[in-house]
Protein backbone atom coordinates (compact mmCIF):
# COMPACT_ATOMS: atom_id res chain seq x y z
CA MET A 1 15.19 -87.99 18.99
CA GLY A 2 14.51 -86.19 22.30
CA MET A 3 10.79 -85.48 21.60
CA ARG A 4 10.08 -89.03 20.63
CA PHE A 5 11.59 -90.22 23.94
CA ILE A 6 9.61 -87.60 25.95
CA ASN A 7 6.40 -88.40 24.12
CA SER A 8 6.85 -92.09 24.93
CA LEU A 9 7.34 -91.26 28.57
CA PHE A 10 4.32 -88.96 28.55
CA VAL A 11 2.15 -91.86 27.24
CA ILE A 12 3.40 -94.13 30.03
CA TRP A 13 2.84 -91.39 32.61
CA LEU A 14 -0.70 -90.79 31.48
CA HIS A 15 -1.33 -94.55 31.74
CA LEU A 16 0.21 -94.92 35.18
CA ARG A 17 -1.24 -91.64 36.66
CA PHE A 18 -4.75 -91.68 35.21
CA GLY A 19 -5.23 -95.23 33.83
CA VAL A 20 -5.75 -93.91 30.28
CA GLY A 21 -5.36 -96.48 27.58
CA GLN A 22 -3.87 -96.17 24.12
CA THR A 23 -7.22 -95.97 22.42
CA SER A 24 -7.93 -92.69 24.37
CA ILE A 25 -4.49 -91.22 23.91
CA GLY A 26 -4.24 -91.92 20.20
CA PRO A 27 -6.78 -89.37 19.02
CA VAL A 28 -5.28 -86.74 21.30
CA TYR A 29 -1.79 -87.38 19.83
CA THR A 30 -3.17 -87.30 16.29
CA LEU A 31 -4.80 -83.94 16.94
CA SER A 32 -1.61 -82.53 18.55
CA TYR A 33 0.50 -83.63 15.62
CA LEU A 34 -1.92 -82.12 13.10
CA LEU A 35 -1.87 -78.85 15.05
CA SER A 36 1.96 -78.96 15.09
CA ALA A 37 2.07 -79.50 11.41
CA THR A 38 -0.34 -76.57 10.82
CA MET A 39 1.73 -74.32 12.99
CA VAL A 40 4.93 -75.19 11.10
CA TRP A 41 3.12 -74.14 7.96
CA VAL A 42 1.89 -70.85 9.53
CA ALA A 43 5.27 -70.06 11.27
CA SER A 44 6.70 -68.33 8.29
CA THR A 45 3.86 -65.78 8.36
CA PHE A 46 4.42 -65.15 12.08
CA ALA A 47 8.20 -64.84 11.51
CA ARG A 48 7.65 -62.26 8.83
CA ARG A 49 5.30 -60.22 11.05
CA PHE A 50 7.02 -60.53 14.40
CA GLY A 51 10.58 -61.55 13.46
CA SER A 52 12.20 -64.98 13.71
CA VAL A 53 13.61 -64.60 17.24
CA ARG A 54 10.45 -63.19 18.73
CA THR A 55 8.43 -65.91 17.15
CA VAL A 56 10.58 -68.65 18.66
CA VAL A 57 10.58 -66.94 22.09
CA ILE A 58 6.77 -66.68 22.04
CA SER A 59 6.25 -70.25 21.01
CA ARG A 60 8.69 -71.55 23.57
CA ARG A 61 7.08 -69.62 26.35
CA MET A 62 3.64 -70.96 25.32
CA ALA A 63 4.90 -74.55 25.25
CA ALA A 64 6.59 -74.16 28.62
CA SER A 65 3.49 -72.70 30.17
CA LEU A 66 1.37 -75.57 28.87
CA MET A 67 3.80 -78.15 30.13
CA VAL A 68 3.68 -76.62 33.65
CA VAL A 69 -0.10 -76.60 33.58
CA ILE A 70 -0.08 -80.30 32.53
CA ALA A 71 2.45 -81.22 35.23
CA LEU A 72 0.42 -79.49 37.98
CA SER A 73 -2.93 -80.88 36.98
């Protein structure tokens, strides 16, 4: 429930900040969801190699870093 709310706000923010329409945002969201689905499929391999906790920590750090970059751009 939380991510859907945040994603909706992010679309509104992109529109208000940069004037980007839904036709431009749609393909980006599609690509991001496909990448997310692929990473869920690959996560078990990473968990076996690095351990479950380390995999979660690494992925959360990468996501937080990208969110900071997006916010500051």
